N, C-alpha and C. Protein backbone atom coordinates (compact mmCIF):
# COMPACT_ATOMS: atom_id res chain seq x y z
N MET A 1 151.64 227.34 14.55
CA MET A 1 151.24 226.97 16.11
C MET A 1 150.36 227.83 16.69
N ASN A 2 149.42 227.42 17.38
CA ASN A 2 148.39 228.23 18.09
C ASN A 2 149.06 229.33 18.91
N PRO A 3 148.72 230.65 18.77
CA PRO A 3 149.51 231.65 19.44
C PRO A 3 149.27 231.60 20.90
N PHE A 4 148.29 231.01 21.44
CA PHE A 4 148.06 230.87 22.90
C PHE A 4 148.75 229.67 23.47
N LEU A 5 149.38 228.90 22.69
CA LEU A 5 150.07 227.74 23.26
C LEU A 5 151.39 228.16 24.21
N LEU A 6 151.18 227.81 25.32
CA LEU A 6 152.25 228.05 26.39
C LEU A 6 153.10 226.83 26.44
N ALA A 7 154.28 226.95 26.04
CA ALA A 7 155.19 225.77 26.14
C ALA A 7 155.97 225.95 27.37
N LEU A 8 156.38 224.76 27.72
CA LEU A 8 157.32 224.61 28.93
C LEU A 8 158.76 224.63 28.55
N ALA A 9 159.48 225.67 29.22
CA ALA A 9 160.90 225.87 28.83
C ALA A 9 161.62 225.79 30.18
N LEU A 10 162.69 224.95 29.95
CA LEU A 10 163.70 224.97 31.09
C LEU A 10 165.07 225.70 30.63
N MET A 11 165.42 226.65 31.17
CA MET A 11 166.47 227.56 30.68
C MET A 11 167.51 227.38 31.73
N ALA A 12 168.77 226.88 31.21
CA ALA A 12 169.83 226.81 32.17
C ALA A 12 170.64 228.08 32.29
N GLN A 13 170.63 228.59 33.50
CA GLN A 13 171.42 229.86 33.79
C GLN A 13 171.87 229.87 35.25
N ASP A 14 172.69 230.85 35.63
CA ASP A 14 172.99 231.01 36.98
C ASP A 14 171.77 231.24 37.91
N PRO A 15 171.78 230.83 39.18
CA PRO A 15 170.73 230.92 40.02
C PRO A 15 170.66 232.39 40.41
N PRO A 16 169.51 232.95 40.86
CA PRO A 16 169.52 234.29 41.27
C PRO A 16 170.49 234.58 42.43
N PRO A 17 170.91 235.80 42.69
CA PRO A 17 171.97 236.06 43.71
C PRO A 17 171.41 235.52 45.08
N SER A 18 170.05 235.78 45.44
CA SER A 18 169.54 235.24 46.56
C SER A 18 169.53 233.74 46.87
N GLY A 19 169.90 232.95 45.92
CA GLY A 19 169.94 231.48 46.04
C GLY A 19 168.61 230.88 45.78
N GLN A 20 167.62 231.69 45.60
CA GLN A 20 166.28 231.19 45.29
C GLN A 20 166.07 230.97 43.86
N ARG A 21 165.30 229.88 43.51
CA ARG A 21 164.93 229.55 42.07
C ARG A 21 163.78 230.07 41.79
N ASP A 22 163.66 230.48 40.47
CA ASP A 22 162.45 231.24 40.00
C ASP A 22 161.43 230.00 39.26
N ILE A 23 160.48 229.70 40.05
CA ILE A 23 159.44 228.50 39.61
C ILE A 23 158.33 229.13 39.39
N LEU A 24 157.85 229.55 38.15
CA LEU A 24 156.72 230.27 37.97
C LEU A 24 155.67 229.55 37.06
N PRO A 25 154.62 229.13 37.45
CA PRO A 25 153.69 228.53 36.58
C PRO A 25 153.07 229.59 35.65
N SER A 26 153.02 229.42 34.35
CA SER A 26 152.11 230.18 33.35
C SER A 26 152.49 231.80 33.59
N GLN A 27 153.62 232.17 33.29
CA GLN A 27 153.93 233.63 33.16
C GLN A 27 153.43 234.36 34.45
N ASP A 28 154.20 234.16 35.53
CA ASP A 28 154.11 235.00 36.83
C ASP A 28 152.66 235.07 37.13
N VAL A 29 151.90 233.94 37.27
CA VAL A 29 150.52 234.18 37.84
C VAL A 29 150.49 234.69 39.32
N PRO A 30 149.60 235.21 39.76
CA PRO A 30 148.36 235.64 39.04
C PRO A 30 148.65 236.85 38.16
N SER A 31 147.97 236.75 37.00
CA SER A 31 148.34 237.76 36.02
C SER A 31 147.03 238.75 35.86
N ALA A 32 146.94 239.54 34.83
CA ALA A 32 145.94 240.36 34.47
C ALA A 32 144.80 239.53 33.91
N ASP A 33 145.13 238.43 33.29
CA ASP A 33 144.00 237.55 32.72
C ASP A 33 143.67 236.30 33.67
N PRO A 34 142.52 235.65 33.49
CA PRO A 34 142.20 234.60 34.34
C PRO A 34 143.08 233.59 33.89
N SER A 35 143.25 232.48 34.86
CA SER A 35 144.05 231.32 34.58
C SER A 35 143.58 230.72 33.34
N PRO A 36 144.53 230.25 32.37
CA PRO A 36 143.83 229.76 31.14
C PRO A 36 143.26 228.50 31.24
N ALA A 37 142.18 228.44 30.37
CA ALA A 37 141.37 227.17 30.20
C ALA A 37 142.21 226.12 29.55
N HIS A 38 141.95 224.88 29.54
CA HIS A 38 142.67 223.85 28.84
C HIS A 38 142.65 224.08 27.18
N ASP A 39 141.65 224.82 26.65
CA ASP A 39 141.59 224.89 25.28
C ASP A 39 142.83 225.45 24.65
N MET A 40 143.49 226.43 25.75
CA MET A 40 144.67 227.41 25.18
C MET A 40 145.82 226.70 24.81
N PHE A 41 145.95 225.27 25.37
CA PHE A 41 147.13 224.46 25.19
C PHE A 41 147.18 223.66 24.15
N TYR A 42 146.33 223.57 23.46
CA TYR A 42 146.10 222.57 22.36
C TYR A 42 146.78 222.89 20.87
N ASP A 43 147.48 222.15 20.51
CA ASP A 43 148.13 222.31 19.08
C ASP A 43 148.76 220.95 18.80
N GLU A 44 149.08 220.87 17.42
CA GLU A 44 149.42 219.55 16.97
C GLU A 44 151.02 219.55 16.88
N VAL A 45 151.68 220.63 17.33
CA VAL A 45 153.09 220.53 17.40
C VAL A 45 153.59 220.05 18.80
N GLU A 46 154.96 219.81 18.73
CA GLU A 46 155.44 219.51 20.09
C GLU A 46 155.44 220.84 20.98
N ALA A 47 155.08 220.50 22.17
CA ALA A 47 154.96 221.73 23.18
C ALA A 47 156.22 222.04 23.91
N SER A 48 157.08 220.89 24.13
CA SER A 48 158.27 221.04 24.99
C SER A 48 159.19 219.82 24.80
N SER A 49 160.46 219.98 25.24
CA SER A 49 161.30 218.89 24.94
C SER A 49 161.13 217.86 26.30
N ARG A 50 161.69 216.69 25.95
CA ARG A 50 161.72 215.72 26.89
C ARG A 50 162.20 216.05 28.38
N ASP A 51 163.43 216.75 28.30
CA ASP A 51 164.12 217.09 29.61
C ASP A 51 163.20 218.24 30.37
N ALA A 52 162.54 219.03 29.61
CA ALA A 52 161.78 220.11 30.25
C ALA A 52 160.42 219.40 30.84
N ARG A 53 159.78 218.53 30.00
CA ARG A 53 158.67 217.88 30.59
C ARG A 53 159.00 216.99 31.84
N MET A 54 160.15 216.20 31.82
CA MET A 54 160.55 215.48 32.97
C MET A 54 160.72 216.37 34.21
N ALA A 55 161.31 217.60 33.95
CA ALA A 55 161.67 218.60 35.04
C ALA A 55 160.29 219.00 35.76
N ILE A 56 159.32 219.42 34.92
CA ILE A 56 157.96 219.77 35.51
C ILE A 56 157.36 218.57 36.07
N HIS A 57 157.54 217.40 35.53
CA HIS A 57 156.66 216.24 36.09
C HIS A 57 157.29 216.08 37.40
N GLU A 58 158.53 215.98 37.51
CA GLU A 58 159.29 215.73 38.95
C GLU A 58 158.94 216.85 39.95
N PHE A 59 158.83 217.95 39.56
CA PHE A 59 158.50 219.21 40.32
C PHE A 59 157.02 219.11 40.84
N GLY A 60 156.04 218.63 39.82
CA GLY A 60 154.65 218.56 40.25
C GLY A 60 154.52 217.49 41.46
N ARG A 61 155.20 216.33 41.05
CA ARG A 61 155.07 215.19 42.09
C ARG A 61 155.71 215.48 43.46
N CYS A 62 156.71 216.23 43.47
CA CYS A 62 157.41 216.72 44.81
C CYS A 62 156.31 217.55 45.33
N VAL A 63 155.80 218.51 44.81
CA VAL A 63 154.81 219.54 45.41
C VAL A 63 153.69 218.80 45.90
N SER A 64 153.07 217.86 45.23
CA SER A 64 151.96 217.22 45.64
C SER A 64 152.21 216.23 46.89
N SER A 65 153.34 215.72 46.91
CA SER A 65 153.87 214.76 48.20
C SER A 65 154.00 215.78 49.28
N ARG A 66 154.52 216.99 49.07
CA ARG A 66 154.82 217.92 50.28
C ARG A 66 153.48 218.60 50.82
N SER A 67 152.68 218.80 49.86
CA SER A 67 151.39 219.68 50.26
C SER A 67 150.12 218.97 49.44
N PRO A 68 149.86 217.60 49.96
CA PRO A 68 148.88 217.05 49.25
C PRO A 68 147.43 217.56 49.40
N GLU A 69 146.95 218.18 50.69
CA GLU A 69 145.83 218.57 50.82
C GLU A 69 145.51 219.83 50.10
N ALA A 70 146.65 220.85 50.11
CA ALA A 70 146.66 222.02 49.48
C ALA A 70 146.41 221.80 48.01
N ALA A 71 147.08 220.77 47.47
CA ALA A 71 147.23 220.48 46.00
C ALA A 71 145.65 220.03 45.48
N VAL A 72 145.19 219.13 46.31
CA VAL A 72 143.82 218.73 46.05
C VAL A 72 142.83 219.95 46.10
N GLU A 73 142.91 220.69 47.10
CA GLU A 73 142.06 221.92 47.11
C GLU A 73 142.02 222.71 46.01
N VAL A 74 143.28 223.14 45.47
CA VAL A 74 143.45 224.01 44.32
C VAL A 74 143.09 223.27 43.01
N LEU A 75 143.49 221.95 42.82
CA LEU A 75 143.06 221.23 41.72
C LEU A 75 141.55 221.04 41.60
N SER A 76 140.92 221.26 42.58
CA SER A 76 139.36 220.87 42.51
C SER A 76 138.67 222.24 42.00
N ARG A 77 139.30 223.49 42.10
CA ARG A 77 138.76 224.63 41.74
C ARG A 77 138.47 224.63 40.19
N ASN A 78 137.55 225.71 39.79
CA ASN A 78 137.47 226.01 38.28
C ASN A 78 138.77 226.59 37.83
N PHE A 79 139.39 225.93 36.84
CA PHE A 79 140.72 226.40 36.42
C PHE A 79 140.71 227.66 35.34
N THR A 80 139.55 228.30 35.23
CA THR A 80 139.35 229.51 34.50
C THR A 80 139.43 230.61 35.31
N THR A 81 139.54 230.49 36.66
CA THR A 81 139.38 231.55 37.64
C THR A 81 140.85 232.07 38.02
N ARG A 82 140.95 233.39 38.55
CA ARG A 82 142.13 233.88 38.99
C ARG A 82 142.52 233.05 40.34
N ALA A 83 141.62 232.61 41.07
CA ALA A 83 141.97 231.81 42.28
C ALA A 83 142.57 230.57 41.96
N TYR A 84 142.32 229.91 40.73
CA TYR A 84 143.03 228.78 40.41
C TYR A 84 144.48 229.13 40.30
N GLY A 85 144.70 229.96 39.41
CA GLY A 85 146.13 230.39 39.06
C GLY A 85 146.90 230.93 40.27
N ALA A 86 146.28 231.67 41.21
CA ALA A 86 146.99 232.18 42.27
C ALA A 86 147.22 230.94 43.29
N GLY A 87 146.39 230.01 43.25
CA GLY A 87 146.70 228.90 44.10
C GLY A 87 147.68 228.03 43.69
N LEU A 88 147.91 227.82 42.34
CA LEU A 88 149.16 227.33 41.82
C LEU A 88 150.39 227.84 42.00
N PHE A 89 150.38 229.35 41.97
CA PHE A 89 151.52 230.01 42.31
C PHE A 89 151.99 229.89 43.66
N ARG A 90 151.01 229.87 44.59
CA ARG A 90 151.21 229.83 46.20
C ARG A 90 151.91 228.34 46.25
N LEU A 91 151.49 227.48 45.60
CA LEU A 91 152.14 225.91 45.81
C LEU A 91 153.48 225.81 45.22
N SER A 92 153.73 226.51 44.19
CA SER A 92 155.08 226.40 43.48
C SER A 92 156.04 227.26 44.51
N ARG A 93 155.62 228.44 44.94
CA ARG A 93 156.39 229.13 45.76
C ARG A 93 156.75 228.62 47.12
N SER A 94 155.80 228.00 47.80
CA SER A 94 156.01 227.45 49.09
C SER A 94 156.76 226.08 48.88
N ASN A 95 156.83 225.57 47.84
CA ASN A 95 157.69 224.22 47.75
C ASN A 95 158.83 224.34 46.62
N GLU A 96 159.31 225.60 46.53
CA GLU A 96 160.20 225.95 45.50
C GLU A 96 161.51 225.01 45.48
N ASP A 97 161.77 224.56 46.78
CA ASP A 97 163.16 223.80 46.76
C ASP A 97 162.86 222.35 46.32
N CYS A 98 161.56 221.93 45.91
CA CYS A 98 161.41 220.80 44.94
C CYS A 98 162.04 220.80 43.75
N PHE A 99 162.37 221.88 43.09
CA PHE A 99 163.03 222.17 41.69
C PHE A 99 164.56 221.88 42.11
N SER A 100 165.12 220.81 41.87
CA SER A 100 166.44 220.54 42.39
C SER A 100 167.53 220.73 41.26
N ARG A 101 167.03 221.11 40.01
CA ARG A 101 168.09 221.37 39.04
C ARG A 101 168.51 222.76 38.97
N ARG A 102 169.63 222.85 38.24
CA ARG A 102 170.22 224.08 38.22
C ARG A 102 169.57 224.94 37.00
N GLY A 103 169.36 226.20 37.34
CA GLY A 103 168.69 226.97 36.33
C GLY A 103 167.22 227.55 36.94
N ARG A 104 166.48 228.10 35.84
CA ARG A 104 165.12 228.38 36.20
C ARG A 104 164.19 227.64 35.30
N MET A 105 163.02 227.59 35.97
CA MET A 105 162.01 226.73 35.15
C MET A 105 160.71 227.63 34.98
N ARG A 106 160.11 227.55 33.90
CA ARG A 106 158.87 228.22 33.65
C ARG A 106 157.79 227.13 33.07
N SER A 107 156.70 227.16 33.43
CA SER A 107 155.73 226.19 33.10
C SER A 107 154.36 226.55 32.81
N SER A 108 153.65 225.80 31.98
CA SER A 108 152.20 226.26 31.81
C SER A 108 151.45 225.67 32.99
N ASN A 109 150.40 226.31 33.35
CA ASN A 109 149.44 225.84 34.50
C ASN A 109 149.09 224.49 34.28
N LEU A 110 148.75 224.29 32.92
CA LEU A 110 148.25 222.61 32.76
C LEU A 110 149.22 221.74 33.05
N LEU A 111 150.45 221.87 32.59
CA LEU A 111 151.39 220.78 32.76
C LEU A 111 151.67 220.66 34.21
N PHE A 112 151.88 221.73 34.93
CA PHE A 112 152.08 221.79 36.40
C PHE A 112 151.01 220.92 37.18
N ALA A 113 149.75 221.50 36.84
CA ALA A 113 148.66 220.85 37.47
C ALA A 113 148.46 219.37 37.22
N GLY A 114 148.77 218.88 35.94
CA GLY A 114 148.62 217.57 35.53
C GLY A 114 149.60 216.65 36.34
N ALA A 115 150.89 217.12 36.48
CA ALA A 115 151.87 216.53 36.97
C ALA A 115 151.44 216.13 38.56
N MET A 116 150.75 217.32 39.28
CA MET A 116 150.38 217.07 40.56
C MET A 116 149.19 216.11 40.60
N ALA A 117 148.42 216.29 39.74
CA ALA A 117 147.19 215.20 39.62
C ALA A 117 147.46 213.92 39.60
N GLU A 118 148.49 213.58 38.66
CA GLU A 118 148.86 212.26 38.56
C GLU A 118 149.39 211.65 39.74
N ALA A 119 150.30 212.41 40.38
CA ALA A 119 150.99 212.09 41.67
C ALA A 119 149.96 211.67 42.81
N LEU A 120 148.88 212.50 42.82
CA LEU A 120 147.82 212.28 43.68
C LEU A 120 147.01 211.07 43.41
N LEU A 121 146.80 210.77 42.08
CA LEU A 121 145.94 209.69 41.79
C LEU A 121 146.69 208.28 42.25
N GLU A 122 147.94 208.43 41.88
CA GLU A 122 148.94 207.24 42.08
C GLU A 122 149.05 206.95 43.51
N SER A 123 148.87 208.01 44.46
CA SER A 123 149.34 207.87 46.05
C SER A 123 148.13 207.11 46.59
N ALA A 124 147.05 207.00 45.97
CA ALA A 124 145.84 206.21 46.49
C ALA A 124 146.15 204.64 46.65
N SER A 125 145.39 203.96 47.55
CA SER A 125 145.67 202.72 47.87
C SER A 125 145.07 201.79 46.60
N GLU A 126 144.24 202.10 45.81
CA GLU A 126 143.72 201.52 44.79
C GLU A 126 144.35 202.23 43.36
N PRO A 127 144.37 201.17 42.46
CA PRO A 127 145.01 201.60 40.94
C PRO A 127 144.03 202.51 40.37
N VAL A 128 144.57 203.28 39.55
CA VAL A 128 144.00 204.35 38.80
C VAL A 128 142.64 204.04 38.24
N ASN A 129 142.84 202.86 37.57
CA ASN A 129 141.66 202.35 36.75
C ASN A 129 140.35 202.05 37.66
N VAL A 130 140.71 201.40 38.91
CA VAL A 130 139.83 201.04 39.78
C VAL A 130 139.12 202.36 40.26
N GLN A 131 139.98 203.27 40.72
CA GLN A 131 139.30 204.51 41.22
C GLN A 131 138.37 205.24 39.89
N LEU A 132 138.68 205.13 38.92
CA LEU A 132 138.18 205.96 37.71
C LEU A 132 136.83 205.14 37.49
N ALA A 133 136.87 203.70 37.56
CA ALA A 133 135.62 202.94 37.29
C ALA A 133 134.62 203.08 38.36
N ARG A 134 134.97 203.26 39.51
CA ARG A 134 133.98 203.62 40.68
C ARG A 134 133.40 204.99 40.59
N ALA A 135 134.26 205.81 40.25
CA ALA A 135 133.80 207.25 40.14
C ALA A 135 132.80 207.32 38.97
N ALA A 136 132.99 206.54 37.97
CA ALA A 136 132.12 206.69 36.60
C ALA A 136 130.73 206.21 37.11
N LEU A 137 130.58 205.54 38.26
CA LEU A 137 129.11 205.17 38.59
C LEU A 137 128.40 206.14 39.09
N GLN A 138 129.03 207.39 39.40
CA GLN A 138 128.33 208.52 40.12
C GLN A 138 128.05 209.58 38.86
N SER A 139 127.57 210.71 39.23
CA SER A 139 127.42 211.74 38.25
C SER A 139 128.48 212.31 37.86
N ALA A 140 128.62 212.90 36.50
CA ALA A 140 129.78 213.62 36.10
C ALA A 140 129.91 214.87 36.86
N THR A 141 131.24 215.31 37.03
CA THR A 141 131.52 216.52 37.72
C THR A 141 131.21 217.61 36.58
N PRO A 142 131.04 218.93 36.91
CA PRO A 142 130.86 220.07 36.17
C PRO A 142 132.02 220.23 35.21
N ALA A 143 131.85 220.66 34.05
CA ALA A 143 132.83 220.94 33.09
C ALA A 143 133.21 222.41 33.05
N PHE A 144 134.37 222.90 33.01
CA PHE A 144 134.68 224.10 33.07
C PHE A 144 135.09 224.69 31.60
N SER A 145 135.21 223.87 30.66
CA SER A 145 135.26 224.26 29.40
C SER A 145 134.93 223.18 28.36
N GLU A 146 134.93 223.47 27.13
CA GLU A 146 134.62 222.48 26.16
C GLU A 146 135.52 221.28 26.17
N SER A 147 136.86 221.62 26.33
CA SER A 147 137.91 220.54 26.38
C SER A 147 137.72 219.61 27.62
N ASP A 148 137.25 220.37 28.68
CA ASP A 148 137.12 219.74 30.18
C ASP A 148 135.98 218.70 29.94
N ARG A 149 134.88 219.17 29.32
CA ARG A 149 133.92 218.16 29.04
C ARG A 149 134.09 216.99 28.39
N LEU A 150 135.11 217.14 27.40
CA LEU A 150 135.56 215.91 26.68
C LEU A 150 136.43 215.16 27.43
N ALA A 151 137.20 215.66 28.32
CA ALA A 151 138.16 214.98 29.23
C ALA A 151 137.27 214.09 30.16
N ILE A 152 136.22 214.64 30.71
CA ILE A 152 135.44 214.12 31.76
C ILE A 152 134.71 213.01 31.11
N CYS A 153 134.37 213.17 29.87
CA CYS A 153 133.68 212.00 29.14
C CYS A 153 134.61 210.74 28.94
N VAL A 154 136.01 211.19 28.65
CA VAL A 154 137.08 210.17 28.39
C VAL A 154 137.35 209.40 29.47
N VAL A 155 137.43 209.99 30.81
CA VAL A 155 137.83 209.28 31.87
C VAL A 155 136.82 208.45 32.50
N ARG A 156 135.69 208.96 32.17
CA ARG A 156 134.39 207.91 32.55
C ARG A 156 134.05 206.86 31.61
N SER A 157 134.51 206.99 30.49
CA SER A 157 134.22 206.10 29.47
C SER A 157 135.36 204.88 29.35
N VAL A 158 136.59 205.31 29.50
CA VAL A 158 137.55 204.12 29.30
C VAL A 158 138.70 204.33 30.43
N PRO A 159 138.36 203.97 31.69
CA PRO A 159 139.31 204.03 32.76
C PRO A 159 140.60 203.31 32.57
N ASP A 160 140.58 202.16 31.84
CA ASP A 160 141.70 201.38 31.79
C ASP A 160 142.68 202.03 30.73
N ASP A 161 142.27 202.64 29.74
CA ASP A 161 142.95 203.33 28.75
C ASP A 161 143.74 204.53 29.27
N VAL A 162 142.89 205.25 30.11
CA VAL A 162 143.40 206.44 30.78
C VAL A 162 144.53 206.27 31.76
N ALA A 163 144.29 205.10 32.45
CA ALA A 163 145.25 204.76 33.47
C ALA A 163 146.54 204.18 32.80
N ARG A 164 146.37 203.53 31.48
CA ARG A 164 147.66 203.07 30.80
C ARG A 164 148.36 204.30 30.28
N LEU A 165 147.71 205.34 29.87
CA LEU A 165 148.43 206.53 29.45
C LEU A 165 149.23 207.11 30.63
N LEU A 166 148.58 207.30 31.77
CA LEU A 166 149.23 207.88 32.93
C LEU A 166 150.44 207.03 33.42
N ALA A 167 150.39 205.73 33.26
CA ALA A 167 151.49 204.89 33.60
C ALA A 167 152.62 204.96 32.73
N THR A 168 152.69 205.57 31.71
CA THR A 168 153.81 205.59 30.72
C THR A 168 154.82 206.59 31.15
N ASP A 169 155.86 206.62 30.82
CA ASP A 169 156.92 207.77 31.01
C ASP A 169 156.64 208.80 30.19
N VAL A 170 156.95 209.91 30.73
CA VAL A 170 156.67 211.28 29.92
C VAL A 170 157.65 211.25 28.77
N ALA A 171 156.90 211.94 27.63
CA ALA A 171 157.65 212.16 26.51
C ALA A 171 158.23 210.79 25.91
N SER A 172 157.62 209.52 25.99
CA SER A 172 158.04 208.26 25.56
C SER A 172 157.34 207.95 24.31
N ALA A 173 157.87 206.94 23.70
CA ALA A 173 157.05 206.31 22.63
C ALA A 173 155.69 205.66 23.14
N GLU A 174 155.96 205.15 24.17
CA GLU A 174 154.70 204.42 24.78
C GLU A 174 153.79 205.55 25.24
N GLU A 175 153.91 206.62 25.60
CA GLU A 175 153.20 207.70 25.84
C GLU A 175 152.29 208.16 24.70
N THR A 176 153.00 208.21 23.45
CA THR A 176 152.55 208.81 22.24
C THR A 176 151.57 207.74 21.83
N GLU A 177 151.95 206.26 21.92
CA GLU A 177 151.03 205.28 21.45
C GLU A 177 149.86 205.29 22.22
N ALA A 178 149.77 205.40 23.69
CA ALA A 178 148.80 205.28 24.51
C ALA A 178 147.77 206.53 24.32
N ALA A 179 148.34 207.73 23.87
CA ALA A 179 147.62 208.75 23.73
C ALA A 179 146.82 208.60 22.40
N GLY A 180 147.56 208.06 21.41
CA GLY A 180 146.80 207.88 20.12
C GLY A 180 145.59 206.87 20.03
N SER A 181 145.88 205.75 21.12
CA SER A 181 144.65 204.85 21.19
C SER A 181 143.53 205.43 21.80
N LEU A 182 143.54 206.56 22.18
CA LEU A 182 142.34 207.33 22.81
C LEU A 182 141.43 208.19 21.59
N ASP A 183 142.07 208.13 20.45
CA ASP A 183 141.37 208.80 19.27
C ASP A 183 139.92 208.53 19.08
N LEU A 184 139.70 207.24 19.20
CA LEU A 184 138.26 206.89 18.83
C LEU A 184 137.26 207.41 19.96
N VAL A 185 137.65 207.15 21.28
CA VAL A 185 136.67 207.52 22.30
C VAL A 185 136.79 209.17 22.24
N MET A 186 137.74 209.73 21.97
CA MET A 186 137.96 211.22 22.02
C MET A 186 136.75 211.63 20.78
N THR A 187 136.74 211.01 19.78
CA THR A 187 135.79 211.51 18.59
C THR A 187 134.44 211.33 19.11
N HIS A 188 134.22 210.12 19.87
CA HIS A 188 132.76 209.76 20.29
C HIS A 188 132.40 210.92 21.36
N CYS A 189 133.34 211.22 22.24
CA CYS A 189 132.85 212.20 23.34
C CYS A 189 132.85 213.61 22.79
N ALA A 190 133.22 213.76 21.63
CA ALA A 190 133.10 215.16 20.86
C ALA A 190 131.74 215.46 20.55
N GLN A 191 131.06 214.34 20.40
CA GLN A 191 129.60 214.45 19.89
C GLN A 191 129.30 215.23 18.80
N GLY A 192 130.01 215.14 17.92
CA GLY A 192 129.94 215.80 16.50
C GLY A 192 130.42 217.23 16.42
N SER A 193 130.79 217.87 17.47
CA SER A 193 131.51 218.99 17.51
C SER A 193 133.05 218.85 17.01
N SER A 194 133.74 219.82 16.72
CA SER A 194 135.08 219.79 16.33
C SER A 194 135.97 219.09 17.34
N ARG A 195 136.74 218.21 17.05
CA ARG A 195 137.40 217.52 18.02
C ARG A 195 138.72 218.33 18.17
N ILE A 196 139.03 218.57 19.44
CA ILE A 196 140.12 219.28 19.91
C ILE A 196 141.40 218.43 19.67
N GLN A 197 142.27 219.04 19.02
CA GLN A 197 143.59 218.62 18.92
C GLN A 197 144.50 218.89 19.99
N SER A 198 145.23 217.85 20.34
CA SER A 198 146.15 217.87 21.56
C SER A 198 147.46 217.27 21.43
N THR A 199 148.56 217.87 22.02
CA THR A 199 149.81 217.08 21.96
C THR A 199 149.52 215.84 23.14
N PRO A 200 150.33 214.94 23.11
CA PRO A 200 150.34 213.98 24.26
C PRO A 200 150.41 214.61 25.58
N ALA A 201 151.44 215.64 25.67
CA ALA A 201 151.55 216.26 26.99
C ALA A 201 150.19 216.91 27.40
N GLY A 202 149.55 217.65 26.57
CA GLY A 202 148.36 218.41 26.90
C GLY A 202 147.33 217.35 27.22
N LEU A 203 147.04 216.41 26.34
CA LEU A 203 145.93 215.46 26.56
C LEU A 203 146.39 214.74 28.03
N ARG A 204 147.46 214.29 28.38
CA ARG A 204 147.68 213.59 29.48
C ARG A 204 147.48 214.62 30.78
N ALA A 205 147.81 215.75 30.69
CA ALA A 205 147.47 216.79 31.73
C ALA A 205 145.93 216.97 31.88
N MET A 206 145.39 217.12 30.78
CA MET A 206 143.90 217.34 30.80
C MET A 206 143.22 216.18 31.43
N LEU A 207 143.51 214.96 31.09
CA LEU A 207 142.82 213.76 31.54
C LEU A 207 143.10 213.58 32.93
N SER A 208 144.32 213.75 33.38
CA SER A 208 144.54 213.61 34.86
C SER A 208 143.98 214.59 35.82
N THR A 209 143.88 215.75 35.36
CA THR A 209 143.24 216.76 36.18
C THR A 209 141.62 216.52 36.28
N ALA A 210 141.12 216.23 35.01
CA ALA A 210 139.65 215.81 35.10
C ALA A 210 139.53 214.50 35.94
N ALA A 211 140.43 213.47 35.67
CA ALA A 211 140.15 212.35 36.51
C ALA A 211 140.19 212.68 38.07
N LEU A 212 141.23 213.44 38.44
CA LEU A 212 141.24 213.83 39.87
C LEU A 212 140.00 214.37 40.39
N ARG A 213 139.42 215.29 39.89
CA ARG A 213 138.32 215.93 40.09
C ARG A 213 137.14 214.97 40.35
N GLN A 214 137.03 214.17 39.34
CA GLN A 214 135.89 213.43 39.34
C GLN A 214 136.10 212.09 40.60
N ILE A 215 137.23 211.70 40.77
CA ILE A 215 137.38 210.94 41.88
C ILE A 215 137.29 211.66 43.29
N ARG A 216 137.80 212.75 43.44
CA ARG A 216 137.61 213.46 44.61
C ARG A 216 136.18 213.99 44.97
N ALA A 217 135.42 214.22 43.91
CA ALA A 217 133.87 214.55 44.09
C ALA A 217 133.14 213.18 44.73
N VAL A 218 133.64 212.10 44.17
CA VAL A 218 132.98 210.80 44.73
C VAL A 218 133.39 210.62 46.23
N ALA A 219 134.48 210.86 46.60
CA ALA A 219 135.03 210.47 47.87
C ALA A 219 134.15 210.81 49.14
N PRO A 220 133.65 212.15 49.13
CA PRO A 220 132.89 212.46 50.27
C PRO A 220 131.60 211.53 50.41
N GLN A 221 131.15 211.42 49.21
CA GLN A 221 129.79 210.61 49.10
C GLN A 221 130.07 209.01 49.82
N GLU A 222 131.32 208.42 49.37
CA GLU A 222 131.52 207.22 50.13
C GLU A 222 131.87 207.41 51.42
N GLU A 223 132.57 208.25 51.97
CA GLU A 223 132.90 208.46 53.30
C GLU A 223 131.61 208.56 54.19
N ALA A 224 130.56 209.23 53.61
CA ALA A 224 129.25 209.55 54.31
C ALA A 224 128.48 208.11 54.56
N ARG A 225 128.66 207.37 53.51
CA ARG A 225 128.07 206.02 53.52
C ARG A 225 128.58 205.10 54.50
N ASN A 226 129.88 205.19 54.86
CA ASN A 226 130.79 204.30 55.71
C ASN A 226 130.56 204.74 57.06
């Protein structure tokens, strides 16, 4: 296993005496190191259990619905910076009651961000594939890592396939199949460089965050024309 892989863990235990739940993205951010880039999350092994993935997915969706503007602002930042990690930390802390399960949750930044990005994409009035197809007509957003460059290429190239992946249930056979169907375009987008290996969880989060940044970058231009 890649030693940098940060797995999602949901650990059942008694709540802290204060009654508050410990909801921490990526090991108590902000930390001494910058918020991790996407590349740190890739490995060919399973990163987390189905229940744990469902927990962070539900939590991210609740946070994005409670604080949509703050979530968009944070997810639009460079995810390799301290400010990004600190922003995720503040979002989780200010919405910690979104975690309704017993126990304590720890999550990678990527999975938490991906869950919020998906919910924000789906909250729009248009289907995700329509939003992506329109955004692909404009210039690509800046990439913050090599894996991010690949993700941007994928969401701009096959909006229907990306939308199909995001429409599947997390940790399902349908998710695995939809993620696998992107192999060809990922190879094409790699442009001869070593293709990044990812779990379906990592790929889904990587694509959803890249998709949100691409769509949000186009929105101000369309508002200006209207």
